[in-house]
Amino acid sequence: MPRTRQKSSLPKGFLRHPVNLVATGFGLGLSPYAGGTLGTLLGIPCWLLLRHLPDWGYWGALFLLFAAGVWICEYSGRRLGVHDHGAIVFDEILGFLVVMSAAPADDPRWILPGFLLFRLFDIWKPWPIGFVDRKLRGGLGVMLDDLLAGVYAALLLYIGHLAWP
């Protein structure tokens, strides 16, 4: 059974540090309900900004965001004393951007299916996502399970796009 993301009280002044502010999706991850879903929603304007980059630029941006996210999630997780604190949603943003790599850049109709597919795989955590979520610690573990959820969702979104252009 996949573990649930823990939420605990934040240390005093936690959001004053810019890394923690980014890690929490500018505070969206602090919602007592569906913080991960709200973090994923923040991925939508990010995709709208990045979608017209050439493929190499989009994938380069995702690579940089993943690398930065490993450090960001590690840093904030240590400050919180919890490996994958529920308030940290930077990983959801990247996961959504991975999904949307399979969507046509000029067709926003694919945002909702991409969003729903990502949330499905991020919550369900089929193998190896659940394994990575349980076994890999630190910022890499936090980021990698959402990256994999994004890949699974992107595959289904791509198949959907082929079937319903």
C-alpha atoms as a PDB file:
ATOM      1  CA  MET A   1       0.000   0.000   0.000  1.00  0.00           C
ATOM      2  CA  PRO A   2       1.443   3.403  -0.924  1.00  0.00           C
ATOM      3  CA  ARG A   3       2.261   5.689   1.919  1.00  0.00           C
ATOM      4  CA  THR A   4       0.319   8.879   2.332  1.00  0.00           C
ATOM      5  CA  ARG A   5       2.088  12.180   2.159  1.00  0.00           C
ATOM      6  CA  GLN A   6       2.475  13.596   5.609  1.00  0.00           C
ATOM      7  CA  LYS A   7       1.446  17.052   6.641  1.00  0.00           C
ATOM      8  CA  SER A   8       2.725  18.650   9.778  1.00  0.00           C
ATOM      9  CA  SER A   9       2.954  22.173  11.088  1.00  0.00           C
ATOM     10  CA  LEU A  10       5.426  24.402   9.313  1.00  0.00           C
ATOM     11  CA  PRO A  11       8.441  25.866  11.090  1.00  0.00           C
ATOM     12  CA  LYS A  12       8.161  29.540  11.899  1.00  0.00           C
ATOM     13  CA  GLY A  13       9.109  31.685   8.903  1.00  0.00           C
ATOM     14  CA  PHE A  14       9.221  28.676   6.560  1.00  0.00           C
ATOM     15  CA  LEU A  15       7.604  30.489   3.627  1.00  0.00           C
ATOM     16  CA  ARG A  16       9.907  33.482   3.943  1.00  0.00           C
ATOM     17  CA  HIS A  17      12.639  31.493   2.224  1.00  0.00           C
ATOM     18  CA  PRO A  18      12.183  31.613  -1.575  1.00  0.00           C
ATOM     19  CA  VAL A  19      13.080  27.924  -2.028  1.00  0.00           C
ATOM     20  CA  ASN A  20      10.313  26.888   0.355  1.00  0.00           C
ATOM     21  CA  LEU A  21       7.886  29.251  -1.330  1.00  0.00           C
ATOM     22  CA  VAL A  22       8.627  27.637  -4.703  1.00  0.00           C
ATOM     23  CA  ALA A  23       8.504  24.106  -3.231  1.00  0.00           C
ATOM     24  CA  THR A  24       4.985  24.744  -1.920  1.00  0.00           C
ATOM     25  CA  GLY A  25       3.754  26.180  -5.219  1.00  0.00           C
ATOM     26  CA  PHE A  26       3.656  29.674  -3.713  1.00  0.00           C
ATOM     27  CA  GLY A  27       1.609  28.331  -0.810  1.00  0.00           C
ATOM     28  CA  LEU A  28      -0.908  26.255  -2.782  1.00  0.00           C
ATOM     29  CA  GLY A  29       0.468  23.065  -1.247  1.00  0.00           C
ATOM     30  CA  LEU A  30      -0.538  24.345   2.187  1.00  0.00           C
ATOM     31  CA  SER A  31      -4.207  23.773   1.442  1.00  0.00           C
ATOM     32  CA  PRO A  32      -5.704  21.331   3.955  1.00  0.00           C
ATOM     33  CA  TYR A  33      -7.542  19.679   1.066  1.00  0.00           C
ATOM     34  CA  ALA A  34      -6.070  18.466  -2.220  1.00  0.00           C
ATOM     35  CA  GLY A  35      -2.735  20.290  -1.996  1.00  0.00           C
ATOM     36  CA  GLY A  36      -1.297  18.040  -4.715  1.00  0.00           C
ATOM     37  CA  THR A  37      -4.223  18.792  -6.985  1.00  0.00           C
ATOM     38  CA  LEU A  38      -3.754  22.520  -6.456  1.00  0.00           C
ATOM     39  CA  GLY A  39      -0.050  22.130  -7.160  1.00  0.00           C
ATOM     40  CA  THR A  40      -0.899  20.333 -10.382  1.00  0.00           C
ATOM     41  CA  LEU A  41      -3.179  23.227 -11.341  1.00  0.00           C
ATOM     42  CA  LEU A  42      -0.147  25.504 -11.088  1.00  0.00           C
ATOM     43  CA  GLY A  43       1.368  23.389 -13.845  1.00  0.00           C
ATOM     44  CA  ILE A  44      -1.254  24.690 -16.292  1.00  0.00           C
ATOM     45  CA  PRO A  45       0.052  28.268 -16.569  1.00  0.00           C
ATOM     46  CA  CYS A  46       3.588  26.849 -16.625  1.00  0.00           C
ATOM     47  CA  TRP A  47       2.655  24.694 -19.633  1.00  0.00           C
ATOM     48  CA  LEU A  48       0.949  27.633 -21.322  1.00  0.00           C
ATOM     49  CA  LEU A  49       4.230  29.566 -21.010  1.00  0.00           C
ATOM     50  CA  LEU A  50       6.461  26.717 -22.211  1.00  0.00           C
ATOM     51  CA  ARG A  51       4.307  25.014 -24.842  1.00  0.00           C
ATOM     52  CA  HIS A  52       5.533  26.966 -27.844  1.00  0.00           C
ATOM     53  CA  LEU A  53       9.200  26.246 -27.223  1.00  0.00           C
ATOM     54  CA  PRO A  54      10.840  23.970 -29.769  1.00  0.00           C
ATOM     55  CA  ASP A  55      10.999  20.344 -28.597  1.00  0.00           C
ATOM     56  CA  TRP A  56      14.627  20.656 -27.516  1.00  0.00           C
ATOM     57  CA  GLY A  57      13.765  23.786 -25.517  1.00  0.00           C
ATOM     58  CA  TYR A  58      10.764  22.180 -23.823  1.00  0.00           C
ATOM     59  CA  TRP A  59      12.731  19.055 -22.876  1.00  0.00           C
ATOM     60  CA  GLY A  60      15.672  21.187 -21.791  1.00  0.00           C
ATOM     61  CA  ALA A  61      13.379  23.193 -19.532  1.00  0.00           C
ATOM     62  CA  LEU A  62      11.950  19.957 -18.077  1.00  0.00           C
ATOM     63  CA  PHE A  63      15.447  18.643 -17.434  1.00  0.00           C
ATOM     64  CA  LEU A  64      16.430  21.865 -15.645  1.00  0.00           C
ATOM     65  CA  LEU A  65      13.183  21.882 -13.649  1.00  0.00           C
ATOM     66  CA  PHE A  66      13.727  18.250 -12.640  1.00  0.00           C
ATOM     67  CA  ALA A  67      17.301  18.921 -11.513  1.00  0.00           C
ATOM     68  CA  ALA A  68      16.256  22.061  -9.640  1.00  0.00           C
ATOM     69  CA  GLY A  69      13.275  20.197  -8.184  1.00  0.00           C
ATOM     70  CA  VAL A  70      15.479  17.473  -6.705  1.00  0.00           C
ATOM     71  CA  TRP A  71      17.386  20.143  -4.811  1.00  0.00           C
ATOM     72  CA  ILE A  72      14.282  22.226  -3.957  1.00  0.00           C
ATOM     73  CA  CYS A  73      12.338  19.240  -2.598  1.00  0.00           C
ATOM     74  CA  GLU A  74      15.379  17.960  -0.685  1.00  0.00           C
ATOM     75  CA  TYR A  75      15.979  21.383   0.866  1.00  0.00           C
ATOM     76  CA  SER A  76      12.365  21.973   1.902  1.00  0.00           C
ATOM     77  CA  GLY A  77      11.892  18.376   3.058  1.00  0.00           C
ATOM     78  CA  ARG A  78      14.882  18.712   5.392  1.00  0.00           C
ATOM     79  CA  ARG A  79      13.554  21.999   6.767  1.00  0.00           C
ATOM     80  CA  LEU A  80      10.219  20.310   7.417  1.00  0.00           C
ATOM     81  CA  GLY A  81      11.755  17.130   8.789  1.00  0.00           C
ATOM     82  CA  VAL A  82       9.523  15.042   6.505  1.00  0.00           C
ATOM     83  CA  HIS A  83      10.773  13.305   3.363  1.00  0.00           C
ATOM     84  CA  ASP A  84       7.702  13.992   1.179  1.00  0.00           C
ATOM     85  CA  HIS A  85       5.721  16.595   3.067  1.00  0.00           C
ATOM     86  CA  GLY A  86       2.262  17.171   1.605  1.00  0.00           C
ATOM     87  CA  ALA A  87       2.918  20.898   1.272  1.00  0.00           C
ATOM     88  CA  ILE A  88       5.704  20.283  -1.263  1.00  0.00           C
ATOM     89  CA  VAL A  89       4.059  20.378  -4.707  1.00  0.00           C
ATOM     90  CA  PHE A  90       6.907  21.346  -7.046  1.00  0.00           C
ATOM     91  CA  ASP A  91       6.996  17.694  -8.110  1.00  0.00           C
ATOM     92  CA  GLU A  92       3.362  17.831  -9.250  1.00  0.00           C
ATOM     93  CA  ILE A  93       4.113  20.819 -11.465  1.00  0.00           C
ATOM     94  CA  LEU A  94       6.903  18.943 -13.222  1.00  0.00           C
ATOM     95  CA  GLY A  95       4.787  15.787 -13.519  1.00  0.00           C
ATOM     96  CA  PHE A  96       2.039  17.732 -15.261  1.00  0.00           C
ATOM     97  CA  LEU A  97       4.547  19.300 -17.652  1.00  0.00           C
ATOM     98  CA  VAL A  98       5.775  15.810 -18.556  1.00  0.00           C
ATOM     99  CA  VAL A  99       2.196  14.740 -19.348  1.00  0.00           C
ATOM    100  CA  MET A 100       1.618  17.765 -21.505  1.00  0.00           C
ATOM    101  CA  SER A 101       4.687  16.961 -23.608  1.00  0.00           C
ATOM    102  CA  ALA A 102       2.322  14.529 -25.372  1.00  0.00           C
ATOM    103  CA  ALA A 103      -0.296  17.203 -26.068  1.00  0.00           C
ATOM    104  CA  PRO A 104      -0.388  19.372 -29.168  1.00  0.00           C
ATOM    105  CA  ALA A 105       1.005  22.762 -28.159  1.00  0.00           C
ATOM    106  CA  ASP A 106      -1.735  24.633 -30.016  1.00  0.00           C
ATOM    107  CA  ASP A 107      -4.685  22.715 -28.567  1.00  0.00           C
ATOM    108  CA  PRO A 108      -5.679  23.505 -24.973  1.00  0.00           C
ATOM    109  CA  ARG A 109      -8.476  20.886 -25.114  1.00  0.00           C
ATOM    110  CA  TRP A 110      -5.890  18.387 -23.870  1.00  0.00           C
ATOM    111  CA  ILE A 111      -5.287  20.209 -20.571  1.00  0.00           C
ATOM    112  CA  LEU A 112      -8.199  18.573 -18.724  1.00  0.00           C
ATOM    113  CA  PRO A 113      -7.469  14.999 -19.875  1.00  0.00           C
ATOM    114  CA  GLY A 114      -3.768  15.536 -19.116  1.00  0.00           C
ATOM    115  CA  PHE A 115      -4.604  16.899 -15.679  1.00  0.00           C
ATOM    116  CA  LEU A 116      -6.962  14.019 -14.843  1.00  0.00           C
ATOM    117  CA  LEU A 117      -4.584  11.341 -16.128  1.00  0.00           C
ATOM    118  CA  PHE A 118      -1.699  12.773 -14.130  1.00  0.00           C
ATOM    119  CA  ARG A 119      -3.744  12.944 -10.940  1.00  0.00           C
ATOM    120  CA  LEU A 120      -4.909   9.346 -11.514  1.00  0.00           C
ATOM    121  CA  PHE A 121      -1.364   7.983 -11.797  1.00  0.00           C
ATOM    122  CA  ASP A 122      -0.006  10.249  -9.063  1.00  0.00           C
ATOM    123  CA  ILE A 123      -2.629   8.961  -6.619  1.00  0.00           C
ATOM    124  CA  TRP A 124      -2.871   5.335  -7.804  1.00  0.00           C
ATOM    125  CA  LYS A 125       0.922   4.834  -8.097  1.00  0.00           C
ATOM    126  CA  PRO A 126       1.076   1.617 -10.158  1.00  0.00           C
ATOM    127  CA  TRP A 127       4.420  -0.182 -10.364  1.00  0.00           C
ATOM    128  CA  PRO A 128       7.152   1.147 -10.464  1.00  0.00           C
ATOM    129  CA  ILE A 129       5.777   4.501  -9.268  1.00  0.00           C
ATOM    130  CA  GLY A 130       4.690   3.119  -5.893  1.00  0.00           C
ATOM    131  CA  PHE A 131       8.009   1.308  -5.467  1.00  0.00           C
ATOM    132  CA  VAL A 132       9.965   4.509  -6.134  1.00  0.00           C
ATOM    133  CA  ASP A 133       7.638   6.429  -3.812  1.00  0.00           C
ATOM    134  CA  ARG A 134       8.243   3.960  -0.959  1.00  0.00           C
ATOM    135  CA  LYS A 135      11.919   3.161  -1.426  1.00  0.00           C
ATOM    136  CA  LEU A 136      13.713   6.185  -2.854  1.00  0.00           C
ATOM    137  CA  ARG A 137      14.278   8.928  -0.307  1.00  0.00           C
ATOM    138  CA  GLY A 138      15.227  12.574  -0.587  1.00  0.00           C
ATOM    139  CA  GLY A 139      14.548  15.040  -3.333  1.00  0.00           C
ATOM    140  CA  LEU A 140      15.208  12.486  -6.068  1.00  0.00           C
ATOM    141  CA  GLY A 141      12.487  10.187  -4.721  1.00  0.00           C
ATOM    142  CA  VAL A 142      10.022  13.052  -4.381  1.00  0.00           C
ATOM    143  CA  MET A 143      10.594  14.133  -7.977  1.00  0.00           C
ATOM    144  CA  LEU A 144      11.018  10.743  -9.637  1.00  0.00           C
ATOM    145  CA  ASP A 145       7.655   9.232  -8.669  1.00  0.00           C
ATOM    146  CA  ASP A 146       5.850  12.229 -10.179  1.00  0.00           C
ATOM    147  CA  LEU A 147       8.046  12.116 -13.263  1.00  0.00           C
ATOM    148  CA  LEU A 148       7.042   8.461 -13.741  1.00  0.00           C
ATOM    149  CA  ALA A 149       3.370   9.278 -13.153  1.00  0.00           C
ATOM    150  CA  GLY A 150       3.753  11.947 -15.819  1.00  0.00           C
ATOM    151  CA  VAL A 151       5.282   9.439 -18.253  1.00  0.00           C
ATOM    152  CA  TYR A 152       2.432   6.955 -17.726  1.00  0.00           C
ATOM    153  CA  ALA A 153      -0.152   9.695 -18.194  1.00  0.00           C
ATOM    154  CA  ALA A 154       1.686  11.078 -21.237  1.00  0.00           C
ATOM    155  CA  LEU A 155       1.556   7.667 -22.919  1.00  0.00           C
ATOM    156  CA  LEU A 156      -2.210   7.495 -22.472  1.00  0.00           C
ATOM    157  CA  LEU A 157      -2.650  11.105 -23.538  1.00  0.00           C
ATOM    158  CA  TYR A 158      -0.607  10.432 -26.669  1.00  0.00           C
ATOM    159  CA  ILE A 159      -2.717   7.376 -27.505  1.00  0.00           C
ATOM    160  CA  GLY A 160      -5.836   9.493 -26.943  1.00  0.00           C
ATOM    161  CA  HIS A 161      -4.487  12.170 -29.240  1.00  0.00           C
ATOM    162  CA  LEU A 162      -3.818   9.586 -31.965  1.00  0.00           C
ATOM    163  CA  ALA A 163      -7.355   8.201 -31.608  1.00  0.00           C
ATOM    164  CA  TRP A 164      -9.090  11.609 -31.416  1.00  0.00           C
ATOM    165  CA  PRO A 165      -7.001  14.194 -33.274  1.00  0.00           C
END
